[in-house]
Amino acid sequence: MELSTEILVFANWSTLVVCMVLKFPQILAVMASKSAEGLSLGSLLLEVTGFLVFLRYQMYYDYPMETYLEYPILIAQDVVLLIFILFYSGSMSSALPYIGMLFGLWNVLVLKKWIIDVALNLCTLISASSKFLQLQHIWRTQDSGQASALTWAMATYTCATRIFTTLMTTGDIAVLVRFIVLLILNCWVAFVILKYRKKSGGKKKED
């Protein structure tokens, strides 16, 4: 097996393994504190939307399964996190409508070829917006709360590996642009979480 093939296999499987536990640090942090402080509901909803569009696009064009196998796992974890956020914020009545809208989106995307193509072009904007909403939430409160830097760091790694696997397989420019943008934004969010966590810790020590 050639070195490039071995690296591709490692990138695909390591991405899948990381994504299997990607949201666990965040979910566990919320469960332990019984609080969704520091997390943006809007950011999470946009992230799930972006994941759904991207997964549907990959399936529609019959891309290699190993290049997107992690997305069903990520969506499932995001839905669990969404339920916890709604529960701890006292908004559980909104859970069913949100899930219904996501299910409807999944079916609408493949009604016409142009819909899925336009959706992917918007997907990068949607996913980037989800990151900006999380950044805005932390900046506004000046506290990262229960936001997990580990989760965002792992997301950064998966974007890096997906840039490589896309270059080695489909070479889809739209997909590459998406992962490059998300790599930069995931790094940014992780940095901001750490920055404001330290700041909060410093204030507590002074008190």
Protein backbone atom coordinates (compact mmCIF):
# COMPACT_ATOMS: atom_id res chain seq x y z
CA MET A 1 0.00 0.00 0.00
CA GLU A 2 1.38 3.41 -0.97
CA LEU A 3 2.14 5.96 1.73
CA SER A 4 -0.50 8.40 0.41
CA THR A 5 -3.14 5.63 0.54
CA GLU A 6 -2.15 4.73 4.09
CA ILE A 7 -2.42 8.36 5.16
CA LEU A 8 -5.83 8.61 3.48
CA VAL A 9 -7.08 5.54 5.33
CA PHE A 10 -5.74 6.92 8.62
CA ALA A 11 -7.32 10.33 7.97
CA ASN A 12 -10.70 8.79 7.21
CA TRP A 13 -10.78 6.46 10.20
CA SER A 14 -9.26 8.89 12.69
CA THR A 15 -11.87 11.46 11.66
CA LEU A 16 -14.63 8.92 12.23
CA VAL A 17 -13.24 7.95 15.66
CA VAL A 18 -12.88 11.57 16.77
CA CYS A 19 -16.39 12.41 15.55
CA MET A 20 -17.85 9.47 17.50
CA VAL A 21 -16.94 11.32 20.71
CA LEU A 22 -16.73 14.89 19.39
CA LYS A 23 -19.70 16.28 21.30
CA PHE A 24 -19.24 14.14 24.41
CA PRO A 25 -17.10 16.71 26.32
CA GLN A 26 -19.76 19.35 25.61
CA ILE A 27 -22.69 17.09 26.51
CA LEU A 28 -20.99 15.91 29.71
CA ALA A 29 -20.16 19.50 30.70
CA VAL A 30 -23.80 20.51 30.31
CA MET A 31 -25.01 17.44 32.23
CA ALA A 32 -22.51 17.97 35.06
CA SER A 33 -23.38 21.63 35.54
CA LYS A 34 -27.09 21.21 34.74
CA SER A 35 -26.73 24.43 32.79
CA ALA A 36 -26.47 25.47 29.13
CA GLU A 37 -24.72 28.73 30.02
CA GLY A 38 -22.20 29.80 27.39
CA LEU A 39 -23.91 27.85 24.59
CA SER A 40 -25.84 29.42 21.75
CA LEU A 41 -29.04 27.63 20.72
CA GLY A 42 -29.03 29.45 17.38
CA SER A 43 -25.46 28.34 16.72
CA LEU A 44 -26.34 24.70 17.37
CA LEU A 45 -29.42 24.81 15.12
CA LEU A 46 -27.40 26.31 12.28
CA GLU A 47 -24.68 23.71 12.78
CA VAL A 48 -27.18 20.84 12.54
CA THR A 49 -28.67 22.43 9.41
CA GLY A 50 -25.21 22.65 7.84
CA PHE A 51 -24.48 19.01 8.71
CA LEU A 52 -27.78 17.86 7.19
CA VAL A 53 -27.23 19.76 3.94
CA PHE A 54 -23.66 18.50 3.59
CA LEU A 55 -24.62 14.88 4.31
CA ARG A 56 -27.51 15.01 1.84
CA TYR A 57 -25.23 16.51 -0.83
CA GLN A 58 -22.60 13.80 -0.41
CA MET A 59 -25.24 11.06 -0.59
CA TYR A 60 -26.99 12.66 -3.58
CA TYR A 61 -23.81 12.63 -5.67
CA ASP A 62 -22.82 9.17 -4.44
CA TYR A 63 -19.47 10.25 -3.01
CA PRO A 64 -17.37 7.59 -1.18
CA MET A 65 -19.10 6.78 2.11
CA GLU A 66 -15.88 6.99 4.09
CA THR A 67 -15.67 10.72 3.28
CA TYR A 68 -18.89 11.56 5.13
CA LEU A 69 -19.65 8.62 7.44
CA GLU A 70 -19.15 10.79 10.52
CA TYR A 71 -22.02 13.13 9.71
CA PRO A 72 -24.90 10.90 10.87
CA ILE A 73 -22.98 10.50 14.16
CA LEU A 74 -22.45 14.26 14.49
CA ILE A 75 -26.11 14.99 13.76
CA ALA A 76 -27.24 12.47 16.39
CA GLN A 77 -24.91 14.03 18.99
CA ASP A 78 -26.10 17.53 18.12
CA VAL A 79 -29.73 16.45 18.54
CA VAL A 80 -28.91 15.07 22.01
CA LEU A 81 -27.12 18.32 22.89
CA LEU A 82 -30.06 20.32 21.54
CA ILE A 83 -32.46 18.43 23.80
CA PHE A 84 -30.25 19.08 26.84
CA ILE A 85 -29.98 22.79 26.04
CA LEU A 86 -33.74 23.09 25.64
CA PHE A 87 -34.31 21.10 28.83
CA TYR A 88 -31.99 23.19 31.01
CA SER A 89 -33.26 26.44 29.51
CA GLY A 90 -36.88 25.43 30.15
CA SER A 91 -37.83 25.31 26.46
CA MET A 92 -38.49 21.60 25.92
CA SER A 93 -41.79 22.40 24.19
CA SER A 94 -39.73 23.66 21.23
CA ALA A 95 -37.90 20.35 20.74
CA LEU A 96 -40.48 18.64 18.53
CA PRO A 97 -40.99 21.61 16.15
CA TYR A 98 -37.22 21.99 15.70
CA ILE A 99 -36.77 18.28 14.93
CA GLY A 100 -39.76 18.42 12.57
CA MET A 101 -38.21 21.32 10.64
CA LEU A 102 -34.92 19.46 10.29
CA PHE A 103 -36.72 16.35 9.05
CA GLY A 104 -38.63 18.45 6.52
CA LEU A 105 -35.40 20.05 5.30
CA TRP A 106 -33.87 16.60 4.75
CA ASN A 107 -36.68 15.67 2.34
CA VAL A 108 -36.96 19.02 0.53
CA LEU A 109 -33.26 19.10 -0.38
CA VAL A 110 -33.51 16.34 -2.99
CA LEU A 111 -36.75 17.39 -4.69
CA LYS A 112 -34.72 19.07 -7.45
CA LYS A 113 -31.02 18.93 -8.38
CA TRP A 114 -30.70 22.72 -8.28
CA ILE A 115 -32.02 22.78 -4.71
CA ILE A 116 -29.25 20.56 -3.37
CA ASP A 117 -26.61 22.46 -5.40
CA VAL A 118 -27.76 25.85 -4.11
CA ALA A 119 -28.09 24.42 -0.61
CA LEU A 120 -24.45 23.33 -0.57
CA ASN A 121 -23.31 26.79 -1.66
CA LEU A 122 -25.34 28.19 1.22
CA CYS A 123 -24.12 25.43 3.53
CA THR A 124 -20.72 27.03 4.09
CA LEU A 125 -22.41 30.33 4.95
CA ILE A 126 -24.82 28.55 7.30
CA SER A 127 -22.04 26.65 9.08
CA ALA A 128 -19.87 29.76 9.31
CA SER A 129 -22.82 31.69 10.75
CA SER A 130 -23.22 29.03 13.44
CA LYS A 131 -19.62 29.64 14.55
CA PHE A 132 -20.09 33.42 14.53
CA LEU A 133 -23.22 33.09 16.68
CA GLN A 134 -21.25 31.09 19.24
CA LEU A 135 -18.46 33.67 19.16
CA GLN A 136 -20.97 36.50 19.54
CA HIS A 137 -22.60 34.75 22.50
CA ILE A 138 -19.27 34.41 24.33
CA TRP A 139 -18.18 37.94 23.51
CA ARG A 140 -21.48 39.34 24.74
CA THR A 141 -21.36 37.50 28.07
CA GLN A 142 -17.55 37.72 28.46
CA ASP A 143 -17.76 34.15 29.79
CA SER A 144 -17.38 30.84 27.94
CA GLY A 145 -19.54 29.11 30.57
CA GLN A 146 -19.98 25.41 29.78
CA ALA A 147 -18.63 25.68 26.21
CA SER A 148 -16.04 22.94 25.67
CA ALA A 149 -12.72 23.94 24.10
CA LEU A 150 -11.92 20.24 23.64
CA THR A 151 -14.98 19.75 21.44
CA TRP A 152 -14.01 22.69 19.24
CA ALA A 153 -10.37 21.53 19.08
CA MET A 154 -11.47 18.09 17.89
CA ALA A 155 -13.73 19.75 15.32
CA THR A 156 -10.67 21.64 14.06
CA TYR A 157 -8.82 18.35 13.61
CA THR A 158 -11.67 16.78 11.63
CA CYS A 159 -11.77 19.78 9.29
CA ALA A 160 -8.03 19.43 8.67
CA THR A 161 -8.34 15.73 7.86
CA ARG A 162 -11.32 16.35 5.60
CA ILE A 163 -9.36 18.94 3.60
CA PHE A 164 -6.79 16.22 2.94
CA THR A 165 -9.30 13.45 2.13
CA THR A 166 -11.25 15.73 -0.21
CA LEU A 167 -8.07 16.64 -2.09
CA MET A 168 -7.22 12.94 -2.38
CA THR A 169 -10.67 11.77 -3.50
CA THR A 170 -13.36 14.01 -5.01
CA GLY A 171 -11.46 17.31 -5.31
CA ASP A 172 -14.79 19.13 -4.95
CA ILE A 173 -13.93 22.85 -4.68
CA ALA A 174 -17.14 23.76 -2.82
CA VAL A 175 -16.41 21.09 -0.22
CA LEU A 176 -12.79 22.24 0.14
CA VAL A 177 -13.83 25.86 0.67
CA ARG A 178 -16.30 24.74 3.33
CA PHE A 179 -13.68 22.83 5.32
CA ILE A 180 -11.04 25.55 5.06
CA VAL A 181 -13.47 28.18 6.34
CA LEU A 182 -14.67 25.93 9.17
CA LEU A 183 -11.09 25.03 10.14
CA ILE A 184 -10.27 28.70 10.69
CA LEU A 185 -13.49 29.41 12.59
CA ASN A 186 -13.24 26.32 14.81
CA CYS A 187 -9.73 27.40 15.83
CA TRP A 188 -11.06 30.86 16.59
CA VAL A 189 -13.92 29.58 18.76
CA ALA A 190 -11.60 27.25 20.71
CA PHE A 191 -9.22 30.16 21.37
CA VAL A 192 -12.03 32.47 22.53
CA ILE A 193 -13.42 29.77 24.86
CA LEU A 194 -10.01 29.35 26.49
CA LYS A 195 -9.47 33.09 26.69
CA TYR A 196 -12.70 33.85 28.51
CA ARG A 197 -12.48 30.76 30.71
CA LYS A 198 -9.15 31.97 32.03
CA LYS A 199 -10.59 35.45 32.51
CA SER A 200 -13.51 34.06 34.52
CA GLY A 201 -11.12 31.95 36.57
CA GLY A 202 -9.00 35.00 37.29
CA LYS A 203 -11.98 36.94 38.58
CA LYS A 204 -12.94 34.12 40.90
CA LYS A 205 -9.45 34.02 42.37
CA GLU A 206 -9.47 37.75 42.96
CA ASP A 207 -12.83 37.44 44.73
